[in-house]
Amino acid sequence: MEKMNWTTLINDKRFGLEDYHDPKKNRTRTDFRRDYDRLVFSSPFRRLQNKTQVFPLPGSIFVHNRLTHSMEVACVGKSMADNIALALRQKYADGNHVSEHFDHLGDIVAAACLAHDLGNPPFGHSGEKAIGTFFSEGAGLRLRGSFTEAQWFDLTRFEGNANAFRLLTHQFKGRRKGGFAMTYSTLASIVKYPFESSLSTKGKFGFFTSEKEDYVRVAEELGIKRLSGDNEPLRYARHPLVYIVEAADDICYEVMDIEDAHKLKILSTPEVIELLLNYFGH
């Protein structure tokens, strides 16, 4: 099987600002670090504080919201990526200059972790289902004739991950070309399901029809392997850094959901101890 290449997978070209790309520029902040900073100061990221992670309306008790969750995922993801980068430098320490690309893994993954939940509606998966049901069974059904079959799949299977890619890349009214103008590698690292909605499994897919060509542009620039034929619905392999982002996300919510459940007295202290000890060997 044809392999993907790290020298193309790590790319600081900015989506929508390709004409201004200068690979030889020398800055104190890399473009990947600028991705991270740009997200922290953005309105969509700040809005995550109003979206609960798991437990709605907790009153005066602090539990995680999407913003605190994303910050914790970014910390864990960066640490994991830095450790993986060390191993990759040793694996590719043969003088072919590929190892210098691994200096950026931590920053790319940290930025992708901050962005991974940007497109999630309030109430998480229940919110996604509510939006989809509005079109498939509710008042939105009368609009069916206004959309193509592919667009209707997008609406009736509304997906937060695809919406995050849209938020970052779409030129909304009053915005510049390329949306947030994130680097290609950061954008690819948030797409956990790199296929269109007609191929969705359990409602999961990676990009709406409106951003299909945008994802193709990113994938081809990075050399991400296409898995579908010319006349088949679009499907790509994952960017390797997606696995780190997903692992960091899983680690954080599996631990922090238990902590929040304890604060809300849903789980007792003995139950929490038993659950957390299951993460360790004897």
Protein backbone atom coordinates (compact mmCIF):
# COMPACT_ATOMS: atom_id res chain seq x y z
CA MET A 1 0.00 0.00 0.00
CA GLU A 2 1.23 3.48 -0.84
CA LYS A 3 2.37 5.31 2.29
CA MET A 4 1.81 8.93 3.23
CA ASN A 5 4.86 11.10 3.74
CA TRP A 6 5.61 13.19 6.83
CA THR A 7 7.33 15.84 4.73
CA THR A 8 4.00 16.66 3.07
CA LEU A 9 1.71 15.85 6.01
CA ILE A 10 3.32 18.65 8.07
CA ASN A 11 2.56 21.80 6.10
CA ASP A 12 2.22 25.36 7.42
CA LYS A 13 0.49 26.71 4.33
CA ARG A 14 -2.61 28.67 5.38
CA PHE A 15 -6.00 27.84 3.91
CA GLY A 16 -7.19 30.80 1.82
CA LEU A 17 -3.84 32.61 2.07
CA GLU A 18 -1.81 30.30 -0.14
CA ASP A 19 -0.53 33.20 -2.23
CA TYR A 20 1.17 34.67 0.83
CA HIS A 21 2.90 31.47 1.90
CA ASP A 22 6.65 31.77 2.46
CA PRO A 23 8.19 28.48 3.68
CA LYS A 24 11.53 30.22 4.40
CA LYS A 25 10.13 32.85 6.76
CA ASN A 26 11.74 33.09 10.17
CA ARG A 27 9.43 33.97 13.06
CA THR A 28 9.58 33.55 16.80
CA ARG A 29 6.10 31.98 16.59
CA THR A 30 5.51 29.20 14.08
CA ASP A 31 2.31 29.23 12.03
CA PHE A 32 1.13 26.21 14.00
CA ARG A 33 1.56 28.13 17.27
CA ARG A 34 -0.32 31.02 15.68
CA ASP A 35 -3.17 28.59 14.93
CA TYR A 36 -3.40 27.86 18.64
CA ASP A 37 -3.32 31.53 19.64
CA ARG A 38 -5.85 32.48 16.97
CA LEU A 39 -8.30 29.92 18.32
CA VAL A 40 -7.92 31.04 21.94
CA PHE A 41 -8.89 34.60 21.03
CA SER A 42 -11.78 33.62 18.72
CA SER A 43 -15.50 34.00 19.40
CA PRO A 44 -16.40 30.38 18.49
CA PHE A 45 -13.89 29.13 21.06
CA ARG A 46 -15.21 31.46 23.78
CA ARG A 47 -18.75 30.29 23.04
CA LEU A 48 -17.76 26.79 24.14
CA GLN A 49 -18.08 27.96 27.74
CA ASN A 50 -21.86 28.06 27.26
CA LYS A 51 -22.03 24.47 26.04
CA THR A 52 -22.12 21.75 28.67
CA GLN A 53 -19.87 18.73 28.28
CA VAL A 54 -22.17 16.02 29.69
CA PHE A 55 -24.25 17.25 32.63
CA PRO A 56 -26.69 20.09 31.87
CA LEU A 57 -27.72 22.86 34.25
CA PRO A 58 -25.48 21.90 37.21
CA GLY A 59 -26.43 24.99 39.25
CA SER A 60 -23.69 26.37 41.49
CA ILE A 61 -21.51 23.24 41.21
CA PHE A 62 -18.71 23.58 38.68
CA VAL A 63 -18.55 20.81 36.11
CA HIS A 64 -16.75 20.78 32.80
CA ASN A 65 -18.08 22.72 29.86
CA ARG A 66 -16.83 22.38 26.28
CA LEU A 67 -14.28 25.15 26.78
CA THR A 68 -12.58 23.68 29.85
CA HIS A 69 -12.74 20.25 28.26
CA SER A 70 -11.05 21.49 25.08
CA MET A 71 -8.26 23.17 27.05
CA GLU A 72 -7.58 19.98 28.98
CA VAL A 73 -7.61 17.93 25.77
CA ALA A 74 -5.07 20.36 24.27
CA CYS A 75 -2.73 19.86 27.25
CA VAL A 76 -2.94 16.07 27.08
CA GLY A 77 -2.71 16.02 23.29
CA LYS A 78 0.40 18.20 23.21
CA SER A 79 2.17 16.00 25.76
CA MET A 80 1.29 12.86 23.81
CA ALA A 81 2.39 14.43 20.52
CA ASP A 82 5.71 15.58 22.01
CA ASN A 83 6.43 12.07 23.25
CA ILE A 84 5.51 10.56 19.90
CA ALA A 85 7.71 13.11 18.14
CA LEU A 86 10.71 11.89 20.19
CA ALA A 87 10.10 8.34 19.01
CA LEU A 88 9.65 9.46 15.40
CA ARG A 89 12.91 11.42 15.46
CA GLN A 90 14.72 8.25 16.48
CA LYS A 91 12.94 6.21 13.82
CA TYR A 92 13.80 8.66 11.04
CA ALA A 93 17.25 9.74 12.28
CA ASP A 94 18.90 8.97 8.96
CA GLY A 95 19.85 12.44 7.80
CA ASN A 96 17.01 12.91 5.30
CA HIS A 97 15.69 16.05 7.06
CA VAL A 98 12.28 14.55 7.79
CA SER A 99 12.94 14.69 11.56
CA GLU A 100 12.78 18.50 11.61
CA HIS A 101 9.08 18.28 10.78
CA PHE A 102 8.41 16.54 14.09
CA ASP A 103 9.28 19.72 16.03
CA HIS A 104 5.78 20.95 15.17
CA LEU A 105 3.69 17.94 16.18
CA GLY A 106 2.88 19.24 19.66
CA ASP A 107 1.67 22.62 18.42
CA ILE A 108 -0.42 21.13 15.61
CA VAL A 109 -2.13 18.65 17.92
CA ALA A 110 -2.70 21.27 20.62
CA ALA A 111 -4.42 23.58 18.13
CA ALA A 112 -6.49 20.74 16.69
CA CYS A 113 -7.56 19.73 20.21
CA LEU A 114 -8.75 23.28 20.91
CA ALA A 115 -10.79 23.22 17.71
CA HIS A 116 -12.17 19.69 17.79
CA ASP A 117 -15.49 20.62 19.46
CA LEU A 118 -16.05 24.05 17.88
CA GLY A 119 -18.91 22.81 15.71
CA ASN A 120 -20.81 20.89 18.36
CA PRO A 121 -24.25 22.34 19.12
CA PRO A 122 -25.55 22.78 22.67
CA PHE A 123 -26.47 19.47 24.33
CA GLY A 124 -23.86 17.53 22.33
CA HIS A 125 -25.10 14.50 20.44
CA SER A 126 -28.68 15.22 21.53
CA GLY A 127 -28.34 18.64 19.88
CA GLU A 128 -27.06 17.04 16.68
CA LYS A 129 -30.00 14.65 16.68
CA ALA A 130 -32.46 17.50 17.28
CA ILE A 131 -31.13 19.44 14.28
CA GLY A 132 -31.25 16.35 12.06
CA THR A 133 -34.75 15.43 13.22
CA PHE A 134 -36.00 18.97 12.56
CA PHE A 135 -35.31 18.36 8.87
CA SER A 136 -36.17 14.67 8.62
CA GLU A 137 -39.39 14.74 10.66
CA GLY A 138 -40.11 18.31 11.77
CA ALA A 139 -40.97 21.65 10.21
CA GLY A 140 -37.82 21.57 8.10
CA LEU A 141 -39.19 18.68 6.06
CA ARG A 142 -41.10 21.14 3.87
CA LEU A 143 -37.73 22.39 2.56
CA ARG A 144 -36.79 19.00 1.11
CA GLY A 145 -37.32 20.10 -2.48
CA SER A 146 -34.88 22.99 -2.11
CA PHE A 147 -31.82 20.78 -1.60
CA THR A 148 -29.84 18.16 -3.48
CA GLU A 149 -29.73 14.64 -2.12
CA ALA A 150 -26.19 15.22 -0.78
CA GLN A 151 -27.22 18.45 0.96
CA TRP A 152 -30.23 16.72 2.49
CA PHE A 153 -27.97 14.00 3.87
CA ASP A 154 -25.91 16.76 5.52
CA LEU A 155 -28.94 18.36 7.15
CA THR A 156 -30.70 15.21 8.33
CA ARG A 157 -27.47 13.75 9.73
CA PHE A 158 -26.09 16.99 11.14
CA GLU A 159 -22.59 16.36 12.52
CA GLY A 160 -20.55 18.55 14.90
CA ASN A 161 -17.19 17.49 13.47
CA ALA A 162 -18.20 18.52 9.96
CA ASN A 163 -19.55 21.78 11.36
CA ALA A 164 -16.18 22.51 13.00
CA PHE A 165 -14.43 22.16 9.65
CA ARG A 166 -17.06 24.50 8.16
CA LEU A 167 -16.60 27.10 10.91
CA LEU A 168 -12.85 27.18 10.33
CA THR A 169 -12.84 27.26 6.52
CA HIS A 170 -16.06 28.93 5.33
CA GLN A 171 -15.97 32.55 4.22
CA PHE A 172 -18.90 33.83 6.25
CA LYS A 173 -20.28 37.30 5.51
CA GLY A 174 -17.76 39.90 6.56
CA ARG A 175 -14.97 37.34 6.94
CA ARG A 176 -11.84 37.03 4.86
CA LYS A 177 -11.20 34.34 2.30
CA GLY A 178 -10.39 31.01 3.96
CA GLY A 179 -12.31 31.74 7.16
CA PHE A 180 -9.87 31.37 10.03
CA ALA A 181 -7.03 30.79 7.55
CA MET A 182 -5.70 27.88 9.59
CA THR A 183 -2.74 25.80 8.44
CA TYR A 184 -3.49 22.80 6.28
CA SER A 185 -2.09 20.36 8.85
CA THR A 186 -4.20 21.72 11.71
CA LEU A 187 -7.37 21.54 9.60
CA ALA A 188 -6.70 17.94 8.58
CA SER A 189 -6.00 16.96 12.18
CA ILE A 190 -9.55 17.71 13.34
CA VAL A 191 -11.30 15.61 10.67
CA LYS A 192 -11.91 12.32 12.47
CA TYR A 193 -14.23 10.94 9.78
CA PRO A 194 -12.74 11.96 6.40
CA PHE A 195 -15.71 11.04 4.22
CA GLU A 196 -18.97 12.64 3.10
CA SER A 197 -22.35 12.23 4.76
CA SER A 198 -23.68 9.55 2.38
CA LEU A 199 -21.02 7.22 3.85
CA SER A 200 -21.76 8.16 7.46
CA THR A 201 -21.82 5.45 10.08
CA LYS A 202 -23.79 6.19 13.25
CA GLY A 203 -24.24 9.73 11.95
CA LYS A 204 -20.51 10.47 11.74
CA PHE A 205 -18.83 12.15 8.79
CA GLY A 206 -16.15 14.76 8.23
CA PHE A 207 -17.35 17.56 5.98
CA PHE A 208 -20.55 18.96 4.52
CA THR A 209 -21.15 19.11 0.79
CA SER A 210 -20.48 22.86 0.92
CA GLU A 211 -16.92 22.17 2.16
CA LYS A 212 -16.25 19.02 0.15
CA GLU A 213 -13.92 20.70 -2.33
CA ASP A 214 -12.17 22.51 0.52
CA TYR A 215 -11.31 19.22 2.19
CA VAL A 216 -10.14 17.74 -1.10
CA ARG A 217 -7.82 20.73 -1.48
CA VAL A 218 -6.36 20.18 1.97
CA ALA A 219 -6.02 16.42 1.54
CA GLU A 220 -4.31 16.64 -1.83
CA GLU A 221 -1.88 19.29 -0.62
CA LEU A 222 -0.90 17.10 2.33
CA GLY A 223 -0.74 13.88 0.34
CA ILE A 224 -3.49 12.18 2.34
CA LYS A 225 -4.41 8.92 0.64
CA ARG A 226 -7.76 8.79 -1.15
CA LEU A 227 -9.58 5.52 -0.52
CA SER A 228 -12.53 5.91 -2.90
CA GLY A 229 -12.69 5.60 -6.67
CA ASP A 230 -13.45 8.40 -9.10
CA ASN A 231 -17.17 7.64 -9.29
CA GLU A 232 -17.65 6.74 -5.62
CA PRO A 233 -18.61 8.90 -2.63
CA LEU A 234 -15.52 10.65 -1.32
CA ARG A 235 -13.47 8.88 1.35
CA TYR A 236 -9.92 9.54 2.53
CA ALA A 237 -7.54 8.01 5.02
CA ARG A 238 -7.09 9.90 8.27
CA HIS A 239 -4.24 12.30 8.83
CA PRO A 240 -2.03 10.47 11.39
CA LEU A 241 -2.31 13.25 13.97
CA VAL A 242 -6.09 12.70 14.15
CA TYR A 243 -5.39 9.59 16.21
CA ILE A 244 -3.56 11.63 18.86
CA VAL A 245 -6.35 14.23 19.01
CA GLU A 246 -8.97 11.49 19.38
CA ALA A 247 -6.97 9.67 22.06
CA ALA A 248 -6.52 12.86 24.09
CA ASP A 249 -10.25 13.57 23.81
CA ASP A 250 -11.14 10.06 25.00
CA ILE A 251 -8.69 10.19 27.90
CA CYS A 252 -10.02 13.51 29.16
CA TYR A 253 -13.72 12.86 28.99
CA GLU A 254 -13.49 9.35 30.40
CA VAL A 255 -11.69 10.64 33.48
CA MET A 256 -13.40 14.01 33.88
CA ASP A 257 -16.93 12.68 33.39
CA ILE A 258 -16.34 10.49 36.43
CA GLU A 259 -15.07 13.50 38.39
CA ASP A 260 -18.13 15.56 37.43
CA ALA A 261 -20.50 12.73 38.32
CA HIS A 262 -18.90 12.57 41.77
CA LYS A 263 -19.31 16.32 42.30
CA LEU A 264 -22.99 16.04 41.41
CA LYS A 265 -23.35 13.06 43.79
CA ILE A 266 -24.34 10.74 40.96
CA LEU A 267 -21.41 8.48 41.85
CA SER A 268 -20.24 7.75 45.39
CA THR A 269 -16.59 7.97 46.43
CA PRO A 270 -16.20 4.15 46.59
CA GLU A 271 -17.68 3.88 43.07
CA VAL A 272 -15.26 6.50 41.75
CA ILE A 273 -12.27 4.77 43.35
CA GLU A 274 -13.28 1.46 41.78
CA LEU A 275 -13.79 3.04 38.35
CA LEU A 276 -10.49 4.91 38.35
CA LEU A 277 -8.49 1.93 39.60
CA ASN A 278 -9.73 0.00 36.56
CA TYR A 279 -7.41 2.16 34.46
CA PHE A 280 -4.39 0.57 36.14
CA GLY A 281 -2.92 -2.90 36.26
CA HIS A 282 -2.42 -4.83 39.47
